[in-house]
Amino acid sequence: MTPQQFRSGVGKLLAALLAVAVVLLNPSGSWAGPVDWQPVASTAEGQQWWDAGSLRISKAGNLTVLSRFQQAMPQPDPGSEQGRSQRPPASDLYVMEIDCGQNLFRDTSINGLPQWGSQWQPASNDGLIEETIQAVCAAGANLLAGS
């Protein structure tokens, strides 16, 4: 098994674990439904998406959303064998809680694993996080107004 095959298998396993965690944490099934990935502008670091269908209000009155990050592919030598057959890196899945009023976020789950006690963070000039926060807060404005 090559390292790429191993990473691909791990990525699939983590996606399955996330699905199980969503069911266990939300047995009512109210999150069930098709995924509606919304991309934000990519950067040199990679690409980020957020799922419009997962947008919810947390118990604390903030927005929560499922997001996905994929690192940019490294640039191999153009003539190398590796450069022609290279697969994109696996995506990581996050459940983010976003405080739109203070422009802060925290990851409450990464690849299906709960992040107990995660701390609030600013976007810190991370273009992908900044764009995600802006897009999610704009999409969730009606939810926040009704909470």
C-alpha atoms as a PDB file:
ATOM      1  CA  MET A   1       0.000   0.000   0.000  1.00  0.00           C
ATOM      2  CA  THR A   2       1.409   3.368  -0.990  1.00  0.00           C
ATOM      3  CA  PRO A   3       1.276   6.380   1.338  1.00  0.00           C
ATOM      4  CA  GLN A   4      -1.276   8.010  -0.999  1.00  0.00           C
ATOM      5  CA  GLN A   5      -3.552   4.961  -0.862  1.00  0.00           C
ATOM      6  CA  PHE A   6      -3.206   4.925   2.924  1.00  0.00           C
ATOM      7  CA  ARG A   7      -4.141   8.635   3.179  1.00  0.00           C
ATOM      8  CA  SER A   8      -7.078   8.097   0.854  1.00  0.00           C
ATOM      9  CA  GLY A   9      -8.309   5.196   3.004  1.00  0.00           C
ATOM     10  CA  VAL A  10      -7.868   7.241   6.171  1.00  0.00           C
ATOM     11  CA  GLY A  11      -9.819  10.114   4.577  1.00  0.00           C
ATOM     12  CA  LYS A  12     -12.699   7.794   3.738  1.00  0.00           C
ATOM     13  CA  LEU A  13     -12.650   6.339   7.247  1.00  0.00           C
ATOM     14  CA  LEU A  14     -12.712   9.817   8.785  1.00  0.00           C
ATOM     15  CA  ALA A  15     -15.634  10.844   6.575  1.00  0.00           C
ATOM     16  CA  ALA A  16     -17.523   7.740   7.734  1.00  0.00           C
ATOM     17  CA  LEU A  17     -16.708   8.561  11.365  1.00  0.00           C
ATOM     18  CA  LEU A  18     -18.038  12.086  10.850  1.00  0.00           C
ATOM     19  CA  ALA A  19     -21.285  10.695   9.491  1.00  0.00           C
ATOM     20  CA  VAL A  20     -21.614   8.417  12.524  1.00  0.00           C
ATOM     21  CA  ALA A  21     -20.832  11.307  14.882  1.00  0.00           C
ATOM     22  CA  VAL A  22     -23.503  13.474  13.256  1.00  0.00           C
ATOM     23  CA  VAL A  23     -26.078  10.719  13.730  1.00  0.00           C
ATOM     24  CA  LEU A  24     -25.034  10.109  17.342  1.00  0.00           C
ATOM     25  CA  LEU A  25     -24.949  13.797  18.228  1.00  0.00           C
ATOM     26  CA  ASN A  26     -28.191  14.549  16.402  1.00  0.00           C
ATOM     27  CA  PRO A  27     -30.397  11.433  16.493  1.00  0.00           C
ATOM     28  CA  SER A  28     -33.480  13.386  15.395  1.00  0.00           C
ATOM     29  CA  GLY A  29     -32.022  13.477  11.891  1.00  0.00           C
ATOM     30  CA  SER A  30     -32.754  17.192  11.452  1.00  0.00           C
ATOM     31  CA  TRP A  31     -29.375  17.589   9.731  1.00  0.00           C
ATOM     32  CA  ALA A  32     -30.168  14.892   7.217  1.00  0.00           C
ATOM     33  CA  GLY A  33     -30.324  15.975   3.632  1.00  0.00           C
ATOM     34  CA  PRO A  34     -28.123  16.665   0.681  1.00  0.00           C
ATOM     35  CA  VAL A  35     -24.850  18.474   1.199  1.00  0.00           C
ATOM     36  CA  ASP A  36     -24.819  21.928  -0.407  1.00  0.00           C
ATOM     37  CA  TRP A  37     -21.118  22.844  -0.587  1.00  0.00           C
ATOM     38  CA  GLN A  38     -20.502  26.557  -1.098  1.00  0.00           C
ATOM     39  CA  PRO A  39     -16.918  27.384  -2.123  1.00  0.00           C
ATOM     40  CA  VAL A  40     -14.997  30.414  -0.935  1.00  0.00           C
ATOM     41  CA  ALA A  41     -12.185  31.939  -2.983  1.00  0.00           C
ATOM     42  CA  SER A  42      -9.175  29.623  -2.976  1.00  0.00           C
ATOM     43  CA  THR A  43      -5.749  30.726  -1.770  1.00  0.00           C
ATOM     44  CA  ALA A  44      -2.218  29.380  -2.112  1.00  0.00           C
ATOM     45  CA  GLU A  45      -2.962  27.233   0.977  1.00  0.00           C
ATOM     46  CA  GLY A  46      -5.894  25.448  -0.639  1.00  0.00           C
ATOM     47  CA  GLN A  47      -9.674  25.492  -1.008  1.00  0.00           C
ATOM     48  CA  GLN A  48     -12.455  25.809   1.574  1.00  0.00           C
ATOM     49  CA  TRP A  49     -16.184  25.043   1.326  1.00  0.00           C
ATOM     50  CA  TRP A  50     -19.076  25.345   3.776  1.00  0.00           C
ATOM     51  CA  ASP A  51     -22.323  23.375   3.691  1.00  0.00           C
ATOM     52  CA  ALA A  52     -25.359  25.651   3.418  1.00  0.00           C
ATOM     53  CA  GLY A  53     -27.613  22.756   4.434  1.00  0.00           C
ATOM     54  CA  SER A  54     -25.859  22.370   7.790  1.00  0.00           C
ATOM     55  CA  LEU A  55     -26.242  25.975   8.972  1.00  0.00           C
ATOM     56  CA  ARG A  56     -27.732  25.985  12.501  1.00  0.00           C
ATOM     57  CA  ILE A  57     -27.913  28.082  15.664  1.00  0.00           C
ATOM     58  CA  SER A  58     -25.899  26.668  18.584  1.00  0.00           C
ATOM     59  CA  LYS A  59     -27.181  26.552  22.167  1.00  0.00           C
ATOM     60  CA  ALA A  60     -25.060  29.644  22.828  1.00  0.00           C
ATOM     61  CA  GLY A  61     -26.772  31.555  19.990  1.00  0.00           C
ATOM     62  CA  ASN A  62     -23.915  31.354  17.477  1.00  0.00           C
ATOM     63  CA  LEU A  63     -23.903  29.798  14.012  1.00  0.00           C
ATOM     64  CA  THR A  64     -22.597  26.280  13.430  1.00  0.00           C
ATOM     65  CA  VAL A  65     -21.693  24.916  10.023  1.00  0.00           C
ATOM     66  CA  LEU A  66     -19.960  21.948   8.424  1.00  0.00           C
ATOM     67  CA  SER A  67     -16.920  23.013   6.428  1.00  0.00           C
ATOM     68  CA  ARG A  68     -14.348  21.247   4.316  1.00  0.00           C
ATOM     69  CA  PHE A  69     -10.722  22.180   3.661  1.00  0.00           C
ATOM     70  CA  GLN A  70      -8.426  20.744   1.022  1.00  0.00           C
ATOM     71  CA  GLN A  71      -4.764  21.690   0.929  1.00  0.00           C
ATOM     72  CA  ALA A  72      -3.364  22.940  -2.351  1.00  0.00           C
ATOM     73  CA  MET A  73      -1.524  20.306  -4.340  1.00  0.00           C
ATOM     74  CA  PRO A  74       2.254  20.593  -4.126  1.00  0.00           C
ATOM     75  CA  GLN A  75       3.846  21.551  -7.429  1.00  0.00           C
ATOM     76  CA  PRO A  76       5.989  18.595  -8.617  1.00  0.00           C
ATOM     77  CA  ASP A  77       8.565  18.669 -11.380  1.00  0.00           C
ATOM     78  CA  PRO A  78       6.596  18.929 -14.647  1.00  0.00           C
ATOM     79  CA  GLY A  79       8.436  16.000 -16.269  1.00  0.00           C
ATOM     80  CA  SER A  80       8.356  13.621 -13.319  1.00  0.00           C
ATOM     81  CA  GLU A  81       6.196  10.495 -13.219  1.00  0.00           C
ATOM     82  CA  GLN A  82       4.811  11.618  -9.869  1.00  0.00           C
ATOM     83  CA  GLY A  83       3.634  14.905 -11.405  1.00  0.00           C
ATOM     84  CA  ARG A  84       1.428  13.151 -13.954  1.00  0.00           C
ATOM     85  CA  SER A  85      -0.268  10.710 -11.562  1.00  0.00           C
ATOM     86  CA  GLN A  86      -0.558  12.780  -8.394  1.00  0.00           C
ATOM     87  CA  ARG A  87      -3.942  12.817  -6.650  1.00  0.00           C
ATOM     88  CA  PRO A  88      -5.254  15.818  -4.782  1.00  0.00           C
ATOM     89  CA  PRO A  89      -4.797  15.694  -1.000  1.00  0.00           C
ATOM     90  CA  ALA A  90      -7.702  14.389   1.093  1.00  0.00           C
ATOM     91  CA  SER A  91     -10.147  16.937   2.492  1.00  0.00           C
ATOM     92  CA  ASP A  92     -10.579  17.593   6.188  1.00  0.00           C
ATOM     93  CA  LEU A  93     -14.072  18.110   7.612  1.00  0.00           C
ATOM     94  CA  TYR A  94     -14.776  20.589  10.392  1.00  0.00           C
ATOM     95  CA  VAL A  95     -17.829  21.593  12.370  1.00  0.00           C
ATOM     96  CA  MET A  96     -17.249  25.269  13.049  1.00  0.00           C
ATOM     97  CA  GLU A  97     -19.016  27.470  15.562  1.00  0.00           C
ATOM     98  CA  ILE A  98     -18.925  31.103  14.480  1.00  0.00           C
ATOM     99  CA  ASP A  99     -19.521  34.190  16.615  1.00  0.00           C
ATOM    100  CA  CYS A 100     -20.539  36.673  13.911  1.00  0.00           C
ATOM    101  CA  GLY A 101     -20.704  39.637  16.308  1.00  0.00           C
ATOM    102  CA  GLN A 102     -17.052  39.267  17.324  1.00  0.00           C
ATOM    103  CA  ASN A 103     -15.781  37.688  14.074  1.00  0.00           C
ATOM    104  CA  LEU A 104     -14.444  34.619  15.944  1.00  0.00           C
ATOM    105  CA  PHE A 105     -14.594  30.874  15.277  1.00  0.00           C
ATOM    106  CA  ARG A 106     -13.770  27.581  16.897  1.00  0.00           C
ATOM    107  CA  ASP A 107     -13.685  24.064  15.541  1.00  0.00           C
ATOM    108  CA  THR A 108     -15.985  21.851  17.601  1.00  0.00           C
ATOM    109  CA  SER A 109     -15.265  18.735  15.514  1.00  0.00           C
ATOM    110  CA  ILE A 110     -12.429  17.806  13.150  1.00  0.00           C
ATOM    111  CA  ASN A 111     -12.907  14.816  10.861  1.00  0.00           C
ATOM    112  CA  GLY A 112     -15.684  13.551  13.113  1.00  0.00           C
ATOM    113  CA  LEU A 113     -13.702  13.816  16.350  1.00  0.00           C
ATOM    114  CA  PRO A 114     -15.150  16.208  18.954  1.00  0.00           C
ATOM    115  CA  GLN A 115     -12.813  19.009  20.022  1.00  0.00           C
ATOM    116  CA  TRP A 116     -13.887  19.392  23.646  1.00  0.00           C
ATOM    117  CA  GLY A 117     -12.939  22.754  25.114  1.00  0.00           C
ATOM    118  CA  SER A 118     -11.867  24.288  21.807  1.00  0.00           C
ATOM    119  CA  GLN A 119     -10.971  27.945  22.170  1.00  0.00           C
ATOM    120  CA  TRP A 120     -12.364  30.904  20.245  1.00  0.00           C
ATOM    121  CA  GLN A 121      -9.934  32.278  17.677  1.00  0.00           C
ATOM    122  CA  PRO A 122      -9.786  35.223  15.296  1.00  0.00           C
ATOM    123  CA  ALA A 123      -9.300  34.470  11.606  1.00  0.00           C
ATOM    124  CA  SER A 124      -5.761  35.900  11.959  1.00  0.00           C
ATOM    125  CA  ASN A 125      -5.422  36.971   8.332  1.00  0.00           C
ATOM    126  CA  ASP A 126      -6.274  33.458   7.068  1.00  0.00           C
ATOM    127  CA  GLY A 127      -8.121  34.312   3.863  1.00  0.00           C
ATOM    128  CA  LEU A 128     -10.023  31.012   3.763  1.00  0.00           C
ATOM    129  CA  ILE A 129     -11.308  31.378   7.329  1.00  0.00           C
ATOM    130  CA  GLU A 130     -12.137  35.066   6.838  1.00  0.00           C
ATOM    131  CA  GLU A 131     -14.123  34.320   3.667  1.00  0.00           C
ATOM    132  CA  THR A 132     -15.908  31.400   5.338  1.00  0.00           C
ATOM    133  CA  ILE A 133     -16.898  33.507   8.346  1.00  0.00           C
ATOM    134  CA  GLN A 134     -18.199  36.301   6.099  1.00  0.00           C
ATOM    135  CA  ALA A 135     -20.175  33.939   3.859  1.00  0.00           C
ATOM    136  CA  VAL A 136     -21.658  31.932   6.740  1.00  0.00           C
ATOM    137  CA  CYS A 137     -22.608  35.038   8.723  1.00  0.00           C
ATOM    138  CA  ALA A 138     -24.275  36.589   5.665  1.00  0.00           C
ATOM    139  CA  ALA A 139     -26.189  33.364   4.952  1.00  0.00           C
ATOM    140  CA  GLY A 140     -27.160  32.943   8.602  1.00  0.00           C
ATOM    141  CA  ALA A 141     -28.271  36.527   9.245  1.00  0.00           C
ATOM    142  CA  ASN A 142     -31.964  35.543   9.168  1.00  0.00           C
ATOM    143  CA  LEU A 143     -31.329  32.643  11.566  1.00  0.00           C
ATOM    144  CA  LEU A 144     -29.517  34.946  13.974  1.00  0.00           C
ATOM    145  CA  ALA A 145     -32.262  37.577  13.763  1.00  0.00           C
ATOM    146  CA  GLY A 146     -34.878  35.000  14.710  1.00  0.00           C
ATOM    147  CA  SER A 147     -32.979  33.496  17.653  1.00  0.00           C
END
